[in-house]
């Protein structure tokens, strides 16, 4: 059967022509209300023929279901963020009550391990005051490691490819993924902040500290740890 011709163009009428006509003539179905009752579609759910009204109701139910899923996702993320915020608050509060600066490195490490369920945590500081130079946390760190820490504008996350920082852990061989967090002194007088340490979080799970993960929480941990540990400088 030859398609009907568009009188104005002398060409067959296309689906786009029909769609444009209906968009520009919204009263068409008011003038031809009987057409609505005769239009049927195949339902993707039951594979049976349904009316236009039924198909519209199905589409509406699908949209409502998607909206419900998004709302539940937002609630779940909100609850997770609240839990993380509470953990950071408890961790910071615990550091505030440490009166002896020499106890702070161990407090930072153990509290991170406990509060955030991190299997291994390591820490090194440099440029500490003379009273603390003999502490394990102030052991020698290579210039390369210091330069690497200073180059980090944000925490690094990824696979352990032989980082020196992994050797600071109790079980370096079990550190398959790492988060390396630079510790910075507070900037004063417009001067750039100075890196004086590196915090290492490690896991045997290669996906725990994935290179694509968000680092906002890790950055907050670094800020709090930096403020607490600056008492040793």
C-alpha atoms as a PDB file:
ATOM      1  CA  UNK A   1       0.000   0.000   0.000  1.00  0.00           C
ATOM      2  CA  UNK A   2       1.392   3.396  -1.009  1.00  0.00           C
ATOM      3  CA  UNK A   3       1.855   5.759   2.005  1.00  0.00           C
ATOM      4  CA  UNK A   4      -0.396   8.854   1.957  1.00  0.00           C
ATOM      5  CA  UNK A   5       1.198  11.950   0.503  1.00  0.00           C
ATOM      6  CA  UNK A   6       1.871  15.186   2.312  1.00  0.00           C
ATOM      7  CA  UNK A   7      -0.026  17.634   0.073  1.00  0.00           C
ATOM      8  CA  UNK A   8       2.285  20.512   0.915  1.00  0.00           C
ATOM      9  CA  UNK A   9       5.502  18.656   0.124  1.00  0.00           C
ATOM     10  CA  UNK A  10       4.412  15.991  -2.269  1.00  0.00           C
ATOM     11  CA  UNK A  11       6.139  13.362  -0.094  1.00  0.00           C
ATOM     12  CA  UNK A  12       4.838  10.441   2.015  1.00  0.00           C
ATOM     13  CA  UNK A  13       3.679  11.545   5.483  1.00  0.00           C
ATOM     14  CA  UNK A  14       6.177  10.420   8.122  1.00  0.00           C
ATOM     15  CA  UNK A  15       5.727   9.533  11.783  1.00  0.00           C
ATOM     16  CA  UNK A  16       7.428  12.828  12.647  1.00  0.00           C
ATOM     17  CA  UNK A  17       4.788  14.687  10.628  1.00  0.00           C
ATOM     18  CA  UNK A  18       2.057  12.943  12.584  1.00  0.00           C
ATOM     19  CA  UNK A  19       3.777  13.593  15.924  1.00  0.00           C
ATOM     20  CA  UNK A  20       4.296  17.286  15.090  1.00  0.00           C
ATOM     21  CA  UNK A  21       0.673  17.615  14.082  1.00  0.00           C
ATOM     22  CA  UNK A  22      -0.573  16.105  17.346  1.00  0.00           C
ATOM     23  CA  UNK A  23       1.780  18.306  19.405  1.00  0.00           C
ATOM     24  CA  UNK A  24       0.575  21.423  17.618  1.00  0.00           C
ATOM     25  CA  UNK A  25      -3.083  20.374  17.735  1.00  0.00           C
ATOM     26  CA  UNK A  26      -3.725  19.233  21.332  1.00  0.00           C
ATOM     27  CA  UNK A  27      -7.485  19.402  20.809  1.00  0.00           C
ATOM     28  CA  UNK A  28      -7.338  16.688  18.144  1.00  0.00           C
ATOM     29  CA  UNK A  29      -8.411  13.940  20.547  1.00  0.00           C
ATOM     30  CA  UNK A  30     -11.151  16.154  21.914  1.00  0.00           C
ATOM     31  CA  UNK A  31     -12.605  16.315  18.450  1.00  0.00           C
ATOM     32  CA  UNK A  32     -12.018  12.577  17.954  1.00  0.00           C
ATOM     33  CA  UNK A  33     -12.582  11.171  21.429  1.00  0.00           C
ATOM     34  CA  UNK A  34     -13.685   7.817  20.033  1.00  0.00           C
ATOM     35  CA  UNK A  35     -10.123   7.195  18.786  1.00  0.00           C
ATOM     36  CA  UNK A  36      -8.771   7.040  22.335  1.00  0.00           C
ATOM     37  CA  UNK A  37     -10.988   4.081  23.141  1.00  0.00           C
ATOM     38  CA  UNK A  38      -9.867   2.216  20.001  1.00  0.00           C
ATOM     39  CA  UNK A  39      -6.097   2.743  20.454  1.00  0.00           C
ATOM     40  CA  UNK A  40      -4.374  -0.265  22.042  1.00  0.00           C
ATOM     41  CA  UNK A  41      -0.760  -1.034  22.928  1.00  0.00           C
ATOM     42  CA  UNK A  42       1.117  -4.160  23.885  1.00  0.00           C
ATOM     43  CA  UNK A  43       1.938  -4.086  27.590  1.00  0.00           C
ATOM     44  CA  UNK A  44       5.644  -4.864  28.259  1.00  0.00           C
ATOM     45  CA  UNK A  45       4.587  -6.601  31.479  1.00  0.00           C
ATOM     46  CA  UNK A  46       1.764  -8.911  30.454  1.00  0.00           C
ATOM     47  CA  UNK A  47       2.259  -8.886  26.650  1.00  0.00           C
ATOM     48  CA  UNK A  48      -1.462  -8.336  26.267  1.00  0.00           C
ATOM     49  CA  UNK A  49      -3.187  -5.502  24.444  1.00  0.00           C
ATOM     50  CA  UNK A  50      -4.088  -2.594  26.734  1.00  0.00           C
ATOM     51  CA  UNK A  51      -5.845   0.690  26.153  1.00  0.00           C
ATOM     52  CA  UNK A  52      -4.065   4.029  26.005  1.00  0.00           C
ATOM     53  CA  UNK A  53      -5.334   4.900  29.488  1.00  0.00           C
ATOM     54  CA  UNK A  54      -4.032   1.610  30.908  1.00  0.00           C
ATOM     55  CA  UNK A  55      -0.632   2.141  29.283  1.00  0.00           C
ATOM     56  CA  UNK A  56      -0.450   5.667  30.698  1.00  0.00           C
ATOM     57  CA  UNK A  57      -1.284   4.280  34.152  1.00  0.00           C
ATOM     58  CA  UNK A  58       1.510   1.698  33.788  1.00  0.00           C
ATOM     59  CA  UNK A  59       4.011   4.410  32.809  1.00  0.00           C
ATOM     60  CA  UNK A  60       2.908   6.509  35.770  1.00  0.00           C
ATOM     61  CA  UNK A  61       3.353   3.572  38.157  1.00  0.00           C
ATOM     62  CA  UNK A  62       6.847   2.968  36.751  1.00  0.00           C
ATOM     63  CA  UNK A  63       7.771   6.636  37.282  1.00  0.00           C
ATOM     64  CA  UNK A  64       6.440   6.514  40.845  1.00  0.00           C
ATOM     65  CA  UNK A  65       8.458   3.349  41.510  1.00  0.00           C
ATOM     66  CA  UNK A  66      11.650   5.009  40.215  1.00  0.00           C
ATOM     67  CA  UNK A  67      10.995   8.056  42.392  1.00  0.00           C
ATOM     68  CA  UNK A  68      10.456   5.845  45.435  1.00  0.00           C
ATOM     69  CA  UNK A  69      13.758   4.064  44.739  1.00  0.00           C
ATOM     70  CA  UNK A  70      15.582   7.397  44.463  1.00  0.00           C
ATOM     71  CA  UNK A  71      14.051   8.636  47.703  1.00  0.00           C
ATOM     72  CA  UNK A  72      15.081   5.443  49.508  1.00  0.00           C
ATOM     73  CA  UNK A  73      18.600   5.828  48.062  1.00  0.00           C
ATOM     74  CA  UNK A  74      18.788   9.414  49.335  1.00  0.00           C
ATOM     75  CA  UNK A  75      17.602   8.310  52.789  1.00  0.00           C
ATOM     76  CA  UNK A  76      20.188   5.508  52.851  1.00  0.00           C
ATOM     77  CA  UNK A  77      23.006   7.866  51.835  1.00  0.00           C
ATOM     78  CA  UNK A  78      21.795  10.373  54.414  1.00  0.00           C
ATOM     79  CA  UNK A  79      21.884   7.734  57.156  1.00  0.00           C
ATOM     80  CA  UNK A  80      25.380   6.623  56.082  1.00  0.00           C
ATOM     81  CA  UNK A  81      26.612  10.230  56.126  1.00  0.00           C
ATOM     82  CA  UNK A  82      25.147  10.730  59.603  1.00  0.00           C
ATOM     83  CA  UNK A  83      26.923   7.601  60.874  1.00  0.00           C
ATOM     84  CA  UNK A  84      30.235   8.768  59.387  1.00  0.00           C
ATOM     85  CA  UNK A  85      29.799  12.246  60.848  1.00  0.00           C
ATOM     86  CA  UNK A  86      29.161  10.739  64.276  1.00  0.00           C
ATOM     87  CA  UNK A  87      32.296   8.584  63.966  1.00  0.00           C
ATOM     88  CA  UNK A  88      34.422  11.607  63.090  1.00  0.00           C
ATOM     89  CA  UNK A  89      32.920  13.531  66.001  1.00  0.00           C
ATOM     90  CA  UNK A  90      33.685  10.707  68.448  1.00  0.00           C
ATOM     91  CA  UNK A  91      37.212  10.368  67.078  1.00  0.00           C
ATOM     92  CA  UNK A  92      37.922  14.104  67.332  1.00  0.00           C
ATOM     93  CA  UNK A  93      36.452  14.245  70.836  1.00  0.00           C
ATOM     94  CA  UNK A  94      38.722  11.381  71.921  1.00  0.00           C
ATOM     95  CA  UNK A  95      41.779  13.225  70.617  1.00  0.00           C
ATOM     96  CA  UNK A  96      40.824  16.424  72.429  1.00  0.00           C
ATOM     97  CA  UNK A  97      41.027  14.735  75.817  1.00  0.00           C
ATOM     98  CA  UNK A  98      44.559  13.370  75.277  1.00  0.00           C
ATOM     99  CA  UNK A  99      46.614  15.571  77.587  1.00  0.00           C
ATOM    100  CA  UNK A 100      50.102  14.218  76.888  1.00  0.00           C
ATOM    101  CA  UNK A 101      51.282  15.060  73.320  1.00  0.00           C
ATOM    102  CA  UNK A 102      53.487  11.969  73.281  1.00  0.00           C
ATOM    103  CA  UNK A 103      50.340   9.822  73.506  1.00  0.00           C
ATOM    104  CA  UNK A 104      48.718  11.422  70.463  1.00  0.00           C
ATOM    105  CA  UNK A 105      50.324   9.328  67.665  1.00  0.00           C
ATOM    106  CA  UNK A 106      49.140   6.056  69.164  1.00  0.00           C
ATOM    107  CA  UNK A 107      45.737   7.577  69.901  1.00  0.00           C
ATOM    108  CA  UNK A 108      45.348   8.721  66.285  1.00  0.00           C
ATOM    109  CA  UNK A 109      46.296   5.303  64.921  1.00  0.00           C
ATOM    110  CA  UNK A 110      44.273   3.133  67.313  1.00  0.00           C
ATOM    111  CA  UNK A 111      41.173   5.308  67.210  1.00  0.00           C
ATOM    112  CA  UNK A 112      41.098   5.363  63.403  1.00  0.00           C
ATOM    113  CA  UNK A 113      41.470   1.590  63.377  1.00  0.00           C
ATOM    114  CA  UNK A 114      38.611   1.156  65.845  1.00  0.00           C
ATOM    115  CA  UNK A 115      36.197   3.902  64.761  1.00  0.00           C
ATOM    116  CA  UNK A 116      36.454   3.314  61.008  1.00  0.00           C
ATOM    117  CA  UNK A 117      37.250  -0.432  60.962  1.00  0.00           C
ATOM    118  CA  UNK A 118      40.534   0.029  59.091  1.00  0.00           C
ATOM    119  CA  UNK A 119      42.648  -3.157  59.297  1.00  0.00           C
ATOM    120  CA  UNK A 120      46.019  -1.390  59.366  1.00  0.00           C
ATOM    121  CA  UNK A 121      47.037   2.199  60.128  1.00  0.00           C
ATOM    122  CA  UNK A 122      50.533   3.658  59.970  1.00  0.00           C
ATOM    123  CA  UNK A 123      51.964   7.081  60.753  1.00  0.00           C
ATOM    124  CA  UNK A 124      55.209   8.975  60.308  1.00  0.00           C
ATOM    125  CA  UNK A 125      56.081  12.551  61.322  1.00  0.00           C
ATOM    126  CA  UNK A 126      59.110  14.672  60.536  1.00  0.00           C
ATOM    127  CA  UNK A 127      60.299  17.994  61.857  1.00  0.00           C
ATOM    128  CA  UNK A 128      59.021  17.196  65.360  1.00  0.00           C
ATOM    129  CA  UNK A 129      60.305  18.974  68.481  1.00  0.00           C
ATOM    130  CA  UNK A 130      63.492  17.633  70.080  1.00  0.00           C
ATOM    131  CA  UNK A 131      61.514  16.084  72.943  1.00  0.00           C
ATOM    132  CA  UNK A 132      59.846  13.673  70.477  1.00  0.00           C
ATOM    133  CA  UNK A 133      62.612  12.808  67.972  1.00  0.00           C
ATOM    134  CA  UNK A 134      63.237   9.409  69.587  1.00  0.00           C
ATOM    135  CA  UNK A 135      59.629   8.280  69.295  1.00  0.00           C
ATOM    136  CA  UNK A 136      58.901   5.441  66.824  1.00  0.00           C
ATOM    137  CA  UNK A 137      56.610   7.742  64.866  1.00  0.00           C
ATOM    138  CA  UNK A 138      59.587  10.031  64.128  1.00  0.00           C
ATOM    139  CA  UNK A 139      61.789   7.324  62.626  1.00  0.00           C
ATOM    140  CA  UNK A 140      63.693   8.091  59.436  1.00  0.00           C
ATOM    141  CA  UNK A 141      61.618   8.836  56.370  1.00  0.00           C
ATOM    142  CA  UNK A 142      63.304   9.108  52.970  1.00  0.00           C
ATOM    143  CA  UNK A 143      63.367  12.407  51.105  1.00  0.00           C
ATOM    144  CA  UNK A 144      61.446  10.753  48.276  1.00  0.00           C
ATOM    145  CA  UNK A 145      58.614   9.860  50.650  1.00  0.00           C
ATOM    146  CA  UNK A 146      58.565  13.401  52.023  1.00  0.00           C
ATOM    147  CA  UNK A 147      58.487  14.876  48.511  1.00  0.00           C
ATOM    148  CA  UNK A 148      55.674  12.514  47.570  1.00  0.00           C
ATOM    149  CA  UNK A 149      53.661  13.528  50.634  1.00  0.00           C
ATOM    150  CA  UNK A 150      54.221  17.220  49.854  1.00  0.00           C
ATOM    151  CA  UNK A 151      52.988  16.695  46.295  1.00  0.00           C
ATOM    152  CA  UNK A 152      49.599  15.406  47.438  1.00  0.00           C
ATOM    153  CA  UNK A 153      46.897  18.059  47.199  1.00  0.00           C
ATOM    154  CA  UNK A 154      44.369  15.512  48.450  1.00  0.00           C
ATOM    155  CA  UNK A 155      44.502  11.988  49.888  1.00  0.00           C
ATOM    156  CA  UNK A 156      45.779   9.318  47.517  1.00  0.00           C
ATOM    157  CA  UNK A 157      43.838   6.075  47.156  1.00  0.00           C
ATOM    158  CA  UNK A 158      44.831   3.048  45.124  1.00  0.00           C
ATOM    159  CA  UNK A 159      46.684  -0.223  44.924  1.00  0.00           C
ATOM    160  CA  UNK A 160      49.905  -0.689  46.857  1.00  0.00           C
ATOM    161  CA  UNK A 161      52.558  -0.651  44.159  1.00  0.00           C
ATOM    162  CA  UNK A 162      55.504  -0.664  46.536  1.00  0.00           C
ATOM    163  CA  UNK A 163      55.044   2.565  48.469  1.00  0.00           C
ATOM    164  CA  UNK A 164      57.570   3.189  51.215  1.00  0.00           C
ATOM    165  CA  UNK A 165      54.688   4.132  53.502  1.00  0.00           C
ATOM    166  CA  UNK A 166      53.441   0.529  53.381  1.00  0.00           C
ATOM    167  CA  UNK A 167      56.601  -0.576  55.215  1.00  0.00           C
ATOM    168  CA  UNK A 168      55.475   1.458  58.226  1.00  0.00           C
ATOM    169  CA  UNK A 169      52.598  -0.995  58.773  1.00  0.00           C
ATOM    170  CA  UNK A 170      52.672  -4.050  61.031  1.00  0.00           C
ATOM    171  CA  UNK A 171      51.972  -6.378  58.089  1.00  0.00           C
ATOM    172  CA  UNK A 172      53.102  -4.691  54.847  1.00  0.00           C
ATOM    173  CA  UNK A 173      52.452  -7.828  52.758  1.00  0.00           C
ATOM    174  CA  UNK A 174      48.748  -7.642  53.628  1.00  0.00           C
ATOM    175  CA  UNK A 175      48.419  -4.050  52.408  1.00  0.00           C
ATOM    176  CA  UNK A 176      46.865  -4.457  48.954  1.00  0.00           C
ATOM    177  CA  UNK A 177      45.118  -1.087  48.821  1.00  0.00           C
ATOM    178  CA  UNK A 178      46.174   2.126  50.522  1.00  0.00           C
ATOM    179  CA  UNK A 179      44.951   5.568  51.460  1.00  0.00           C
ATOM    180  CA  UNK A 180      47.831   8.006  51.945  1.00  0.00           C
ATOM    181  CA  UNK A 181      46.821  11.191  53.770  1.00  0.00           C
ATOM    182  CA  UNK A 182      49.258  14.122  54.032  1.00  0.00           C
ATOM    183  CA  UNK A 183      49.394  15.948  57.359  1.00  0.00           C
ATOM    184  CA  UNK A 184      49.761  19.705  57.030  1.00  0.00           C
ATOM    185  CA  UNK A 185      50.537  22.495  59.441  1.00  0.00           C
ATOM    186  CA  UNK A 186      48.000  25.315  59.629  1.00  0.00           C
ATOM    187  CA  UNK A 187      48.814  28.081  57.143  1.00  0.00           C
ATOM    188  CA  UNK A 188      49.536  31.467  58.701  1.00  0.00           C
ATOM    189  CA  UNK A 189      49.913  34.906  57.172  1.00  0.00           C
ATOM    190  CA  UNK A 190      48.933  33.710  53.732  1.00  0.00           C
ATOM    191  CA  UNK A 191      51.814  31.210  53.586  1.00  0.00           C
ATOM    192  CA  UNK A 192      51.349  27.773  52.079  1.00  0.00           C
ATOM    193  CA  UNK A 193      50.778  24.965  54.566  1.00  0.00           C
ATOM    194  CA  UNK A 194      53.751  22.690  55.246  1.00  0.00           C
ATOM    195  CA  UNK A 195      53.530  18.880  55.145  1.00  0.00           C
ATOM    196  CA  UNK A 196      55.012  17.354  58.286  1.00  0.00           C
ATOM    197  CA  UNK A 197      53.719  13.796  58.163  1.00  0.00           C
ATOM    198  CA  UNK A 198      51.872  11.049  56.335  1.00  0.00           C
ATOM    199  CA  UNK A 199      49.008   8.886  57.585  1.00  0.00           C
ATOM    200  CA  UNK A 200      48.584   5.450  55.988  1.00  0.00           C
ATOM    201  CA  UNK A 201      45.363   3.432  55.935  1.00  0.00           C
ATOM    202  CA  UNK A 202      45.609  -0.050  54.467  1.00  0.00           C
ATOM    203  CA  UNK A 203      43.482  -3.091  53.700  1.00  0.00           C
ATOM    204  CA  UNK A 204      43.962  -6.522  52.162  1.00  0.00           C
ATOM    205  CA  UNK A 205      40.841  -5.794  50.093  1.00  0.00           C
ATOM    206  CA  UNK A 206      41.969  -4.301  46.787  1.00  0.00           C
ATOM    207  CA  UNK A 207      38.677  -2.379  46.510  1.00  0.00           C
ATOM    208  CA  UNK A 208      38.661  -0.865  50.013  1.00  0.00           C
ATOM    209  CA  UNK A 209      40.686   2.184  48.933  1.00  0.00           C
ATOM    210  CA  UNK A 210      39.855   2.356  45.256  1.00  0.00           C
ATOM    211  CA  UNK A 211      41.380   5.079  43.065  1.00  0.00           C
ATOM    212  CA  UNK A 212      37.907   6.245  42.058  1.00  0.00           C
ATOM    213  CA  UNK A 213      36.509   6.687  45.569  1.00  0.00           C
ATOM    214  CA  UNK A 214      35.569  10.066  47.036  1.00  0.00           C
ATOM    215  CA  UNK A 215      38.200  11.442  49.432  1.00  0.00           C
ATOM    216  CA  UNK A 216      36.158  13.987  51.407  1.00  0.00           C
ATOM    217  CA  UNK A 217      36.048  11.837  54.549  1.00  0.00           C
ATOM    218  CA  UNK A 218      39.772  11.056  54.299  1.00  0.00           C
ATOM    219  CA  UNK A 219      40.528  14.759  53.905  1.00  0.00           C
ATOM    220  CA  UNK A 220      38.561  15.518  57.095  1.00  0.00           C
ATOM    221  CA  UNK A 221      40.487  12.795  58.918  1.00  0.00           C
ATOM    222  CA  UNK A 222      43.719  14.388  57.706  1.00  0.00           C
ATOM    223  CA  UNK A 223      42.682  17.847  58.903  1.00  0.00           C
ATOM    224  CA  UNK A 224      41.795  16.622  62.392  1.00  0.00           C
ATOM    225  CA  UNK A 225      44.916  14.451  62.672  1.00  0.00           C
ATOM    226  CA  UNK A 226      47.064  17.383  61.500  1.00  0.00           C
ATOM    227  CA  UNK A 227      45.599  19.699  64.120  1.00  0.00           C
ATOM    228  CA  UNK A 228      46.107  17.152  66.920  1.00  0.00           C
ATOM    229  CA  UNK A 229      49.636  16.073  65.927  1.00  0.00           C
ATOM    230  CA  UNK A 230      50.865  19.637  65.402  1.00  0.00           C
ATOM    231  CA  UNK A 231      51.370  19.690  69.202  1.00  0.00           C
ATOM    232  CA  UNK A 232      54.481  17.550  68.647  1.00  0.00           C
ATOM    233  CA  UNK A 233      56.203  20.154  66.481  1.00  0.00           C
END
